[in-house]
Amino acid sequence: MTRNRFTEFVVEDREAGQRLDVFLAEKMSSQHSRAQLQKLIKNEGVLVNGRCAAPHYPVKAGEKIHVEKLNTPVEELPAEPIPLDIVYEDEDCLVVNKPAGMVVHPAHGNPNHTLVNALLFHVQSLGNAEDKVRPGIVHRLDKDTSGLLVVAKNDHAHAKLARQFKEHTIDRVYNAIVRGVVQHDEGVCEEPVGRAFLNRKKVVVRPSGGKDAVTFFRVLKRFENATLVEIRPQTGRTHQIRVHFAHMGHPVLGDTLYGVPCPGIKRQALHALTLGFEQPRTKKKIHLTSQLPEDMQGLLRFLESHP
């Protein structure tokens, strides 16, 4: 039975005791692999009687399993001649300066016109090609977050870059303009985060059951009722920066999901400014910096002149 964005299953007596991932793999074998379902469970896209569970959780008779609808696998993504701002490229990887408003890969509601579609037009191949929706993608930026993003052009690069992200050796620096005056010159937020139970599009601070999330920050400039901050996320959870700053009482300006609209900008004022990583093959350190986009520069000018 399907309701909105979830598919519901009820565990029968004969199915009791099965691992959650095995149970779902048998139910959805024609649509998705067990590995895809395990990843969805770990990303909290599966609820057992309204609560998250681990892939090895033994299901019980009568339990209701709600599965967030996955992207329908596609045989071949179309390559689209969408302009890309490529700031670095070699035989193994490339770094793009993603504009705000561009979705990284096809997903529910955004089947094409994504960064992946543009990449397929630009390069001959991408790493992790068996992932029909996210080839080459090692990490993501939200649709309305701008800035630097590295892409793998082959499987070796994909594996090496993914390990760097997993081990937190990637150097990432963001700039954000947040509401209110941040009092401390620097600090860290270490609140665990996880998907909201009632609204799966939102992430919330969850002291119990959330995933570890660490965000370091430093104040760059204070305005009458806003602050420009430099942010170094140690972990890369979904919406981590936006959720942490909203939790601290300083939502990112223009972020309508976790804050309120801002007259000076039409999207969240968040930009991935710096990206540093080890080149997968040569192990040379690559360090790149982008400019703050014009809309965020305009917001800073607006704050200077409209306290």
C-alpha atoms as a PDB file:
ATOM      1  CA  MET A   1       0.000   0.000   0.000  1.00  0.00           C
ATOM      2  CA  THR A   2       1.360   3.439  -0.955  1.00  0.00           C
ATOM      3  CA  ARG A   3       0.749   6.664   0.931  1.00  0.00           C
ATOM      4  CA  ASN A   4       2.256   9.894  -0.311  1.00  0.00           C
ATOM      5  CA  ARG A   5       6.028   9.331  -0.465  1.00  0.00           C
ATOM      6  CA  PHE A   6       6.063   6.012   1.426  1.00  0.00           C
ATOM      7  CA  THR A   7       5.302   2.403   0.617  1.00  0.00           C
ATOM      8  CA  GLU A   8       3.849   0.419   3.527  1.00  0.00           C
ATOM      9  CA  PHE A   9       4.315  -3.270   4.302  1.00  0.00           C
ATOM     10  CA  VAL A  10       2.909  -5.263   7.227  1.00  0.00           C
ATOM     11  CA  VAL A  11       5.015  -8.143   8.538  1.00  0.00           C
ATOM     12  CA  GLU A  12       3.182 -11.478   8.405  1.00  0.00           C
ATOM     13  CA  ASP A  13       3.692 -14.303  10.914  1.00  0.00           C
ATOM     14  CA  ARG A  14       5.772 -16.360   8.491  1.00  0.00           C
ATOM     15  CA  GLU A  15       8.101 -13.400   7.911  1.00  0.00           C
ATOM     16  CA  ALA A  16       8.812 -12.671  11.578  1.00  0.00           C
ATOM     17  CA  GLY A  17      12.478 -12.878  12.520  1.00  0.00           C
ATOM     18  CA  GLN A  18      13.850 -11.891   9.127  1.00  0.00           C
ATOM     19  CA  ARG A  19      16.445  -9.141   8.941  1.00  0.00           C
ATOM     20  CA  LEU A  20      14.873  -5.854   7.900  1.00  0.00           C
ATOM     21  CA  ASP A  21      17.037  -5.574   4.766  1.00  0.00           C
ATOM     22  CA  VAL A  22      16.241  -9.176   3.756  1.00  0.00           C
ATOM     23  CA  PHE A  23      12.518  -8.601   4.325  1.00  0.00           C
ATOM     24  CA  LEU A  24      12.543  -5.524   2.083  1.00  0.00           C
ATOM     25  CA  ALA A  25      14.786  -7.123  -0.541  1.00  0.00           C
ATOM     26  CA  GLU A  26      12.227  -9.918  -0.969  1.00  0.00           C
ATOM     27  CA  LYS A  27       9.386  -7.410  -1.203  1.00  0.00           C
ATOM     28  CA  MET A  28      11.118  -5.039  -3.611  1.00  0.00           C
ATOM     29  CA  SER A  29      13.544  -7.284  -5.525  1.00  0.00           C
ATOM     30  CA  SER A  30      12.141  -6.236  -8.881  1.00  0.00           C
ATOM     31  CA  GLN A  31      12.753  -2.570  -8.139  1.00  0.00           C
ATOM     32  CA  HIS A  32      15.904  -2.241  -6.049  1.00  0.00           C
ATOM     33  CA  SER A  33      18.932  -4.190  -4.909  1.00  0.00           C
ATOM     34  CA  ARG A  34      19.566  -5.211  -1.314  1.00  0.00           C
ATOM     35  CA  ALA A  35      22.547  -2.825  -1.240  1.00  0.00           C
ATOM     36  CA  GLN A  36      20.316   0.090  -2.246  1.00  0.00           C
ATOM     37  CA  LEU A  37      17.833  -0.822   0.455  1.00  0.00           C
ATOM     38  CA  GLN A  38      20.569  -1.141   3.080  1.00  0.00           C
ATOM     39  CA  LYS A  39      21.755   2.339   2.187  1.00  0.00           C
ATOM     40  CA  LEU A  40      18.201   3.672   2.442  1.00  0.00           C
ATOM     41  CA  ILE A  41      17.785   2.079   5.887  1.00  0.00           C
ATOM     42  CA  LYS A  42      21.067   3.599   7.086  1.00  0.00           C
ATOM     43  CA  ASN A  43      19.939   6.996   5.747  1.00  0.00           C
ATOM     44  CA  GLU A  44      16.751   6.685   7.828  1.00  0.00           C
ATOM     45  CA  GLY A  45      14.484   6.249   4.843  1.00  0.00           C
ATOM     46  CA  VAL A  46      12.797   3.233   6.442  1.00  0.00           C
ATOM     47  CA  LEU A  47      10.588   3.349   9.541  1.00  0.00           C
ATOM     48  CA  VAL A  48       9.495   0.371  11.646  1.00  0.00           C
ATOM     49  CA  ASN A  49       6.334   1.333  13.531  1.00  0.00           C
ATOM     50  CA  GLY A  50       7.376   4.950  13.100  1.00  0.00           C
ATOM     51  CA  ARG A  51      10.976   4.522  14.276  1.00  0.00           C
ATOM     52  CA  CYS A  52      14.300   4.064  12.498  1.00  0.00           C
ATOM     53  CA  ALA A  53      16.026   0.686  12.683  1.00  0.00           C
ATOM     54  CA  ALA A  54      19.268  -0.975  11.594  1.00  0.00           C
ATOM     55  CA  PRO A  55      19.489  -3.231   8.505  1.00  0.00           C
ATOM     56  CA  HIS A  56      19.958  -6.290  10.755  1.00  0.00           C
ATOM     57  CA  TYR A  57      16.873  -5.527  12.875  1.00  0.00           C
ATOM     58  CA  PRO A  58      14.674  -8.675  13.173  1.00  0.00           C
ATOM     59  CA  VAL A  59      11.169  -7.724  12.102  1.00  0.00           C
ATOM     60  CA  LYS A  60       8.179  -8.853  14.176  1.00  0.00           C
ATOM     61  CA  ALA A  61       4.720  -9.995  13.093  1.00  0.00           C
ATOM     62  CA  GLY A  62       2.265  -7.133  12.754  1.00  0.00           C
ATOM     63  CA  GLU A  63       4.889  -4.396  12.498  1.00  0.00           C
ATOM     64  CA  LYS A  64       4.282  -1.727   9.863  1.00  0.00           C
ATOM     65  CA  ILE A  65       7.298  -0.974   7.666  1.00  0.00           C
ATOM     66  CA  HIS A  66       7.239   2.343   5.826  1.00  0.00           C
ATOM     67  CA  VAL A  67       9.760   2.719   2.997  1.00  0.00           C
ATOM     68  CA  GLU A  68      10.511   6.098   1.485  1.00  0.00           C
ATOM     69  CA  LYS A  69      10.045   5.947  -2.258  1.00  0.00           C
ATOM     70  CA  LEU A  70      13.373   5.508  -3.991  1.00  0.00           C
ATOM     71  CA  ASN A  71      14.268   7.081  -7.270  1.00  0.00           C
ATOM     72  CA  THR A  72      13.154   4.811 -10.075  1.00  0.00           C
ATOM     73  CA  PRO A  73      16.297   3.320 -11.629  1.00  0.00           C
ATOM     74  CA  VAL A  74      16.924   4.607 -15.130  1.00  0.00           C
ATOM     75  CA  GLU A  75      18.631   2.674 -17.874  1.00  0.00           C
ATOM     76  CA  GLU A  76      20.507   5.672 -19.223  1.00  0.00           C
ATOM     77  CA  LEU A  77      20.630   9.270 -18.088  1.00  0.00           C
ATOM     78  CA  PRO A  78      20.518  11.788 -20.925  1.00  0.00           C
ATOM     79  CA  ALA A  79      23.603  13.957 -21.453  1.00  0.00           C
ATOM     80  CA  GLU A  80      22.558  17.600 -21.569  1.00  0.00           C
ATOM     81  CA  PRO A  81      24.615  20.558 -22.897  1.00  0.00           C
ATOM     82  CA  ILE A  82      24.340  22.543 -19.672  1.00  0.00           C
ATOM     83  CA  PRO A  83      27.223  25.003 -19.074  1.00  0.00           C
ATOM     84  CA  LEU A  84      29.572  24.046 -16.246  1.00  0.00           C
ATOM     85  CA  ASP A  85      32.015  26.203 -14.309  1.00  0.00           C
ATOM     86  CA  ILE A  86      34.922  23.740 -14.092  1.00  0.00           C
ATOM     87  CA  VAL A  87      37.707  25.068 -11.877  1.00  0.00           C
ATOM     88  CA  TYR A  88      39.959  21.987 -11.963  1.00  0.00           C
ATOM     89  CA  GLU A  89      40.214  18.822 -14.062  1.00  0.00           C
ATOM     90  CA  ASP A  90      42.641  15.948 -14.558  1.00  0.00           C
ATOM     91  CA  GLU A  91      42.378  12.350 -15.782  1.00  0.00           C
ATOM     92  CA  ASP A  92      40.790  11.158 -12.537  1.00  0.00           C
ATOM     93  CA  CYS A  93      38.540  13.913 -11.258  1.00  0.00           C
ATOM     94  CA  LEU A  94      37.178  17.374 -11.782  1.00  0.00           C
ATOM     95  CA  VAL A  95      35.888  20.135  -9.525  1.00  0.00           C
ATOM     96  CA  VAL A  96      32.906  22.253 -10.479  1.00  0.00           C
ATOM     97  CA  ASN A  97      31.664  25.478  -8.984  1.00  0.00           C
ATOM     98  CA  LYS A  98      27.983  24.559  -8.701  1.00  0.00           C
ATOM     99  CA  PRO A  99      25.526  27.435  -8.983  1.00  0.00           C
ATOM    100  CA  ALA A 100      22.613  27.789  -6.598  1.00  0.00           C
ATOM    101  CA  GLY A 101      19.450  26.244  -8.031  1.00  0.00           C
ATOM    102  CA  MET A 102      21.156  23.251  -9.666  1.00  0.00           C
ATOM    103  CA  VAL A 103      20.319  19.790  -8.319  1.00  0.00           C
ATOM    104  CA  VAL A 104      23.344  17.486  -8.124  1.00  0.00           C
ATOM    105  CA  HIS A 105      21.704  14.282  -9.409  1.00  0.00           C
ATOM    106  CA  PRO A 106      18.265  13.145 -10.617  1.00  0.00           C
ATOM    107  CA  ALA A 107      15.785  12.620  -7.804  1.00  0.00           C
ATOM    108  CA  HIS A 108      12.080  12.778  -7.056  1.00  0.00           C
ATOM    109  CA  GLY A 109      10.781  15.954  -8.719  1.00  0.00           C
ATOM    110  CA  ASN A 110      14.050  16.599 -10.587  1.00  0.00           C
ATOM    111  CA  PRO A 111      14.418  13.903 -13.278  1.00  0.00           C
ATOM    112  CA  ASN A 112      16.845  15.861 -15.461  1.00  0.00           C
ATOM    113  CA  HIS A 113      18.677  19.202 -15.934  1.00  0.00           C
ATOM    114  CA  THR A 114      20.973  18.178 -13.075  1.00  0.00           C
ATOM    115  CA  LEU A 115      24.722  18.390 -12.577  1.00  0.00           C
ATOM    116  CA  VAL A 116      25.022  14.694 -13.510  1.00  0.00           C
ATOM    117  CA  ASN A 117      23.260  15.324 -16.830  1.00  0.00           C
ATOM    118  CA  ALA A 118      25.688  18.167 -17.527  1.00  0.00           C
ATOM    119  CA  LEU A 119      28.702  16.047 -16.543  1.00  0.00           C
ATOM    120  CA  LEU A 120      27.678  13.239 -18.900  1.00  0.00           C
ATOM    121  CA  PHE A 121      27.802  15.728 -21.759  1.00  0.00           C
ATOM    122  CA  HIS A 122      31.238  17.000 -20.714  1.00  0.00           C
ATOM    123  CA  VAL A 123      33.132  13.768 -19.960  1.00  0.00           C
ATOM    124  CA  GLN A 124      33.335  10.352 -21.592  1.00  0.00           C
ATOM    125  CA  SER A 125      32.837   8.386 -18.383  1.00  0.00           C
ATOM    126  CA  LEU A 126      32.198   8.782 -14.660  1.00  0.00           C
ATOM    127  CA  GLY A 127      33.213   6.655 -11.694  1.00  0.00           C
ATOM    128  CA  ASN A 128      30.813   4.235 -10.022  1.00  0.00           C
ATOM    129  CA  ALA A 129      28.919   3.945 -13.291  1.00  0.00           C
ATOM    130  CA  GLU A 130      26.733   1.124 -11.950  1.00  0.00           C
ATOM    131  CA  ASP A 131      24.914   3.778  -9.933  1.00  0.00           C
ATOM    132  CA  LYS A 132      22.470   4.789 -12.638  1.00  0.00           C
ATOM    133  CA  VAL A 133      21.366   7.943 -10.829  1.00  0.00           C
ATOM    134  CA  ARG A 134      24.569   9.250  -9.194  1.00  0.00           C
ATOM    135  CA  PRO A 135      27.562   8.274 -11.373  1.00  0.00           C
ATOM    136  CA  GLY A 136      30.694  10.134 -10.360  1.00  0.00           C
ATOM    137  CA  ILE A 137      29.109  11.748  -7.322  1.00  0.00           C
ATOM    138  CA  VAL A 138      31.156  11.435  -4.135  1.00  0.00           C
ATOM    139  CA  HIS A 139      29.440  14.145  -2.066  1.00  0.00           C
ATOM    140  CA  ARG A 140      26.560  16.532  -2.564  1.00  0.00           C
ATOM    141  CA  LEU A 141      25.534  20.122  -2.080  1.00  0.00           C
ATOM    142  CA  ASP A 142      21.913  21.088  -1.512  1.00  0.00           C
ATOM    143  CA  LYS A 143      20.088  22.481  -4.530  1.00  0.00           C
ATOM    144  CA  ASP A 144      20.255  26.060  -3.267  1.00  0.00           C
ATOM    145  CA  THR A 145      23.789  25.840  -1.859  1.00  0.00           C
ATOM    146  CA  SER A 146      26.476  27.047  -4.241  1.00  0.00           C
ATOM    147  CA  GLY A 147      30.150  26.213  -4.414  1.00  0.00           C
ATOM    148  CA  LEU A 148      32.869  23.640  -5.015  1.00  0.00           C
ATOM    149  CA  LEU A 149      32.126  19.954  -5.555  1.00  0.00           C
ATOM    150  CA  VAL A 150      34.537  17.211  -6.646  1.00  0.00           C
ATOM    151  CA  VAL A 151      33.473  14.520  -9.132  1.00  0.00           C
ATOM    152  CA  ALA A 152      35.181  11.174  -9.839  1.00  0.00           C
ATOM    153  CA  LYS A 153      35.832  10.246 -13.476  1.00  0.00           C
ATOM    154  CA  ASN A 154      36.665   6.572 -12.830  1.00  0.00           C
ATOM    155  CA  ASP A 155      36.082   3.853 -10.232  1.00  0.00           C
ATOM    156  CA  HIS A 156      39.547   4.147  -8.694  1.00  0.00           C
ATOM    157  CA  ALA A 157      39.081   7.876  -8.117  1.00  0.00           C
ATOM    158  CA  HIS A 158      35.581   7.339  -6.758  1.00  0.00           C
ATOM    159  CA  ALA A 159      36.800   4.814  -4.182  1.00  0.00           C
ATOM    160  CA  LYS A 160      39.772   6.939  -3.086  1.00  0.00           C
ATOM    161  CA  LEU A 161      37.764  10.152  -2.787  1.00  0.00           C
ATOM    162  CA  ALA A 162      34.920   8.393  -0.971  1.00  0.00           C
ATOM    163  CA  ARG A 163      37.436   7.090   1.576  1.00  0.00           C
ATOM    164  CA  GLN A 164      38.788  10.596   2.142  1.00  0.00           C
ATOM    165  CA  PHE A 165      35.281  11.841   2.905  1.00  0.00           C
ATOM    166  CA  LYS A 166      34.643   8.862   5.179  1.00  0.00           C
ATOM    167  CA  GLU A 167      37.865   9.489   7.094  1.00  0.00           C
ATOM    168  CA  HIS A 168      37.192  13.258   7.293  1.00  0.00           C
ATOM    169  CA  THR A 169      40.478  14.171   5.590  1.00  0.00           C
ATOM    170  CA  ILE A 170      38.777  16.433   3.043  1.00  0.00           C
ATOM    171  CA  ASP A 171      39.294  20.148   3.740  1.00  0.00           C
ATOM    172  CA  ARG A 172      35.974  21.949   3.334  1.00  0.00           C
ATOM    173  CA  VAL A 173      35.240  25.565   4.201  1.00  0.00           C
ATOM    174  CA  TYR A 174      31.855  27.227   3.796  1.00  0.00           C
ATOM    175  CA  ASN A 175      30.745  30.823   4.155  1.00  0.00           C
ATOM    176  CA  ALA A 176      27.245  31.529   5.458  1.00  0.00           C
ATOM    177  CA  ILE A 177      25.326  34.618   6.427  1.00  0.00           C
ATOM    178  CA  VAL A 178      23.131  33.819   9.404  1.00  0.00           C
ATOM    179  CA  ARG A 179      20.394  35.641  11.274  1.00  0.00           C
ATOM    180  CA  GLY A 180      21.267  37.488  14.465  1.00  0.00           C
ATOM    181  CA  VAL A 181      24.573  38.372  16.042  1.00  0.00           C
ATOM    182  CA  VAL A 182      26.686  35.324  16.885  1.00  0.00           C
ATOM    183  CA  GLN A 183      28.255  36.176  20.245  1.00  0.00           C
ATOM    184  CA  HIS A 184      31.215  33.787  20.315  1.00  0.00           C
ATOM    185  CA  ASP A 185      34.114  34.514  17.958  1.00  0.00           C
ATOM    186  CA  GLU A 186      34.437  30.790  17.310  1.00  0.00           C
ATOM    187  CA  GLY A 187      32.794  27.584  18.435  1.00  0.00           C
ATOM    188  CA  VAL A 188      31.545  24.128  17.581  1.00  0.00           C
ATOM    189  CA  CYS A 189      28.146  22.424  17.426  1.00  0.00           C
ATOM    190  CA  GLU A 190      28.208  18.666  18.057  1.00  0.00           C
ATOM    191  CA  GLU A 191      24.503  17.827  18.172  1.00  0.00           C
ATOM    192  CA  PRO A 192      23.499  14.532  16.482  1.00  0.00           C
ATOM    193  CA  VAL A 193      21.073  14.945  13.579  1.00  0.00           C
ATOM    194  CA  GLY A 194      18.546  12.748  11.798  1.00  0.00           C
ATOM    195  CA  ARG A 195      15.484  12.833   9.573  1.00  0.00           C
ATOM    196  CA  ALA A 196      12.324  14.242  11.105  1.00  0.00           C
ATOM    197  CA  PHE A 197       9.712  11.534  11.655  1.00  0.00           C
ATOM    198  CA  LEU A 198       6.739  13.486  10.284  1.00  0.00           C
ATOM    199  CA  ASN A 199       8.432  15.477   7.525  1.00  0.00           C
ATOM    200  CA  ARG A 200      11.130  13.409   5.798  1.00  0.00           C
ATOM    201  CA  LYS A 201      12.365  16.442   3.862  1.00  0.00           C
ATOM    202  CA  LYS A 202      13.576  17.973   7.111  1.00  0.00           C
ATOM    203  CA  VAL A 203      16.507  17.065   9.314  1.00  0.00           C
ATOM    204  CA  VAL A 204      16.394  17.814  13.029  1.00  0.00           C
ATOM    205  CA  VAL A 205      18.668  17.632  16.039  1.00  0.00           C
ATOM    206  CA  ARG A 206      18.094  14.228  17.637  1.00  0.00           C
ATOM    207  CA  PRO A 207      20.085  13.685  20.846  1.00  0.00           C
ATOM    208  CA  SER A 208      18.813  10.098  20.918  1.00  0.00           C
ATOM    209  CA  GLY A 209      19.101   8.064  17.735  1.00  0.00           C
ATOM    210  CA  GLY A 210      20.662  10.764  15.579  1.00  0.00           C
ATOM    211  CA  LYS A 211      23.929  10.490  13.649  1.00  0.00           C
ATOM    212  CA  ASP A 212      27.073  12.195  14.918  1.00  0.00           C
ATOM    213  CA  ALA A 213      27.521  15.640  13.390  1.00  0.00           C
ATOM    214  CA  VAL A 214      30.271  18.166  14.108  1.00  0.00           C
ATOM    215  CA  THR A 215      30.355  21.742  12.784  1.00  0.00           C
ATOM    216  CA  PHE A 216      33.149  24.203  13.621  1.00  0.00           C
ATOM    217  CA  PHE A 217      32.606  27.905  12.955  1.00  0.00           C
ATOM    218  CA  ARG A 218      34.363  31.267  13.195  1.00  0.00           C
ATOM    219  CA  VAL A 219      32.861  34.745  12.992  1.00  0.00           C
ATOM    220  CA  LEU A 220      34.165  36.826  10.087  1.00  0.00           C
ATOM    221  CA  LYS A 221      31.949  39.910  10.412  1.00  0.00           C
ATOM    222  CA  ARG A 222      28.999  41.041  12.483  1.00  0.00           C
ATOM    223  CA  PHE A 223      26.175  43.254  11.272  1.00  0.00           C
ATOM    224  CA  GLU A 224      23.286  44.866  13.140  1.00  0.00           C
ATOM    225  CA  ASN A 225      21.236  41.662  13.071  1.00  0.00           C
ATOM    226  CA  ALA A 226      23.246  39.186  11.000  1.00  0.00           C
ATOM    227  CA  THR A 227      26.662  37.518  10.990  1.00  0.00           C
ATOM    228  CA  LEU A 228      29.026  36.337   8.279  1.00  0.00           C
ATOM    229  CA  VAL A 229      30.606  33.068   9.443  1.00  0.00           C
ATOM    230  CA  GLU A 230      33.274  30.694   8.209  1.00  0.00           C
ATOM    231  CA  ILE A 231      32.244  27.066   8.702  1.00  0.00           C
ATOM    232  CA  ARG A 232      34.304  23.874   8.717  1.00  0.00           C
ATOM    233  CA  PRO A 233      32.064  20.794   8.917  1.00  0.00           C
ATOM    234  CA  GLN A 234      33.930  17.746  10.171  1.00  0.00           C
ATOM    235  CA  THR A 235      31.091  15.433   9.160  1.00  0.00           C
ATOM    236  CA  GLY A 236      28.882  15.647   6.089  1.00  0.00           C
ATOM    237  CA  ARG A 237      25.332  14.926   7.211  1.00  0.00           C
ATOM    238  CA  THR A 238      22.363  16.041   5.124  1.00  0.00           C
ATOM    239  CA  HIS A 239      21.537  19.719   5.821  1.00  0.00           C
ATOM    240  CA  GLN A 240      24.060  19.606   8.688  1.00  0.00           C
ATOM    241  CA  ILE A 241      25.163  23.260   8.593  1.00  0.00           C
ATOM    242  CA  ARG A 242      21.639  24.580   8.135  1.00  0.00           C
ATOM    243  CA  VAL A 243      20.240  22.434  10.960  1.00  0.00           C
ATOM    244  CA  HIS A 244      23.051  23.190  13.397  1.00  0.00           C
ATOM    245  CA  PHE A 245      22.837  26.948  12.934  1.00  0.00           C
ATOM    246  CA  ALA A 246      19.047  26.899  13.178  1.00  0.00           C
ATOM    247  CA  HIS A 247      19.419  24.892  16.396  1.00  0.00           C
ATOM    248  CA  MET A 248      21.811  27.542  17.749  1.00  0.00           C
ATOM    249  CA  GLY A 249      19.219  30.227  17.041  1.00  0.00           C
ATOM    250  CA  HIS A 250      20.999  31.563  13.954  1.00  0.00           C
ATOM    251  CA  PRO A 251      19.348  30.068  10.846  1.00  0.00           C
ATOM    252  CA  VAL A 252      21.000  30.761   7.507  1.00  0.00           C
ATOM    253  CA  LEU A 253      19.412  33.823   5.926  1.00  0.00           C
ATOM    254  CA  GLY A 254      17.055  32.949   3.092  1.00  0.00           C
ATOM    255  CA  ASP A 255      16.641  29.347   4.279  1.00  0.00           C
ATOM    256  CA  THR A 256      12.868  28.911   4.161  1.00  0.00           C
ATOM    257  CA  LEU A 257      13.008  25.285   5.372  1.00  0.00           C
ATOM    258  CA  TYR A 258      14.789  25.980   8.653  1.00  0.00           C
ATOM    259  CA  GLY A 259      14.381  29.733   8.945  1.00  0.00           C
ATOM    260  CA  VAL A 260      12.540  32.528   7.174  1.00  0.00           C
ATOM    261  CA  PRO A 261      12.804  34.329   3.817  1.00  0.00           C
ATOM    262  CA  CYS A 262      15.219  37.237   3.558  1.00  0.00           C
ATOM    263  CA  PRO A 263      14.538  40.285   1.345  1.00  0.00           C
ATOM    264  CA  GLY A 264      18.193  40.450   0.326  1.00  0.00           C
ATOM    265  CA  ILE A 265      18.528  36.958  -1.209  1.00  0.00           C
ATOM    266  CA  LYS A 266      16.265  34.382  -2.860  1.00  0.00           C
ATOM    267  CA  ARG A 267      17.963  31.244  -1.478  1.00  0.00           C
ATOM    268  CA  GLN A 268      19.910  30.152   1.584  1.00  0.00           C
ATOM    269  CA  ALA A 269      23.074  32.247   1.947  1.00  0.00           C
ATOM    270  CA  LEU A 270      25.445  29.275   2.049  1.00  0.00           C
ATOM    271  CA  HIS A 271      28.459  28.740  -0.211  1.00  0.00           C
ATOM    272  CA  ALA A 272      31.100  25.987  -0.346  1.00  0.00           C
ATOM    273  CA  LEU A 273      34.092  28.300  -0.592  1.00  0.00           C
ATOM    274  CA  THR A 274      37.119  25.991  -0.293  1.00  0.00           C
ATOM    275  CA  LEU A 275      37.802  22.351  -1.141  1.00  0.00           C
ATOM    276  CA  GLY A 276      41.034  20.480  -0.463  1.00  0.00           C
ATOM    277  CA  PHE A 277      41.691  16.796  -1.199  1.00  0.00           C
ATOM    278  CA  GLU A 278      44.408  14.331  -2.171  1.00  0.00           C
ATOM    279  CA  GLN A 279      44.577  13.543  -5.870  1.00  0.00           C
ATOM    280  CA  PRO A 280      43.511   9.866  -6.064  1.00  0.00           C
ATOM    281  CA  ARG A 281      46.413   8.670  -8.228  1.00  0.00           C
ATOM    282  CA  THR A 282      49.376  11.011  -7.569  1.00  0.00           C
ATOM    283  CA  LYS A 283      48.439  11.767  -3.933  1.00  0.00           C
ATOM    284  CA  LYS A 284      49.236  15.417  -4.607  1.00  0.00           C
ATOM    285  CA  LYS A 285      47.276  17.825  -2.420  1.00  0.00           C
ATOM    286  CA  ILE A 286      44.745  19.837  -4.425  1.00  0.00           C
ATOM    287  CA  HIS A 287      43.430  22.995  -2.751  1.00  0.00           C
ATOM    288  CA  LEU A 288      40.862  25.202  -4.483  1.00  0.00           C
ATOM    289  CA  THR A 289      38.992  28.345  -3.493  1.00  0.00           C
ATOM    290  CA  SER A 290      36.039  30.001  -5.201  1.00  0.00           C
ATOM    291  CA  GLN A 291      34.641  33.496  -4.964  1.00  0.00           C
ATOM    292  CA  LEU A 292      31.585  34.334  -2.945  1.00  0.00           C
ATOM    293  CA  PRO A 293      28.726  34.426  -5.496  1.00  0.00           C
ATOM    294  CA  GLU A 294      27.195  37.731  -6.480  1.00  0.00           C
ATOM    295  CA  ASP A 295      23.894  37.184  -4.673  1.00  0.00           C
ATOM    296  CA  MET A 296      25.699  36.657  -1.353  1.00  0.00           C
ATOM    297  CA  GLN A 297      27.954  39.650  -2.015  1.00  0.00           C
ATOM    298  CA  GLY A 298      24.801  41.618  -2.731  1.00  0.00           C
ATOM    299  CA  LEU A 299      23.298  40.459   0.553  1.00  0.00           C
ATOM    300  CA  LEU A 300      26.386  41.691   2.421  1.00  0.00           C
ATOM    301  CA  ARG A 301      26.042  45.078   0.739  1.00  0.00           C
ATOM    302  CA  PHE A 302      22.339  45.069   1.629  1.00  0.00           C
ATOM    303  CA  LEU A 303      23.156  44.384   5.294  1.00  0.00           C
ATOM    304  CA  GLU A 304      25.683  47.193   5.327  1.00  0.00           C
ATOM    305  CA  SER A 305      23.179  49.698   4.007  1.00  0.00           C
ATOM    306  CA  HIS A 306      19.951  48.352   5.610  1.00  0.00           C
ATOM    307  CA  PRO A 307      20.684  47.572   9.260  1.00  0.00           C
END
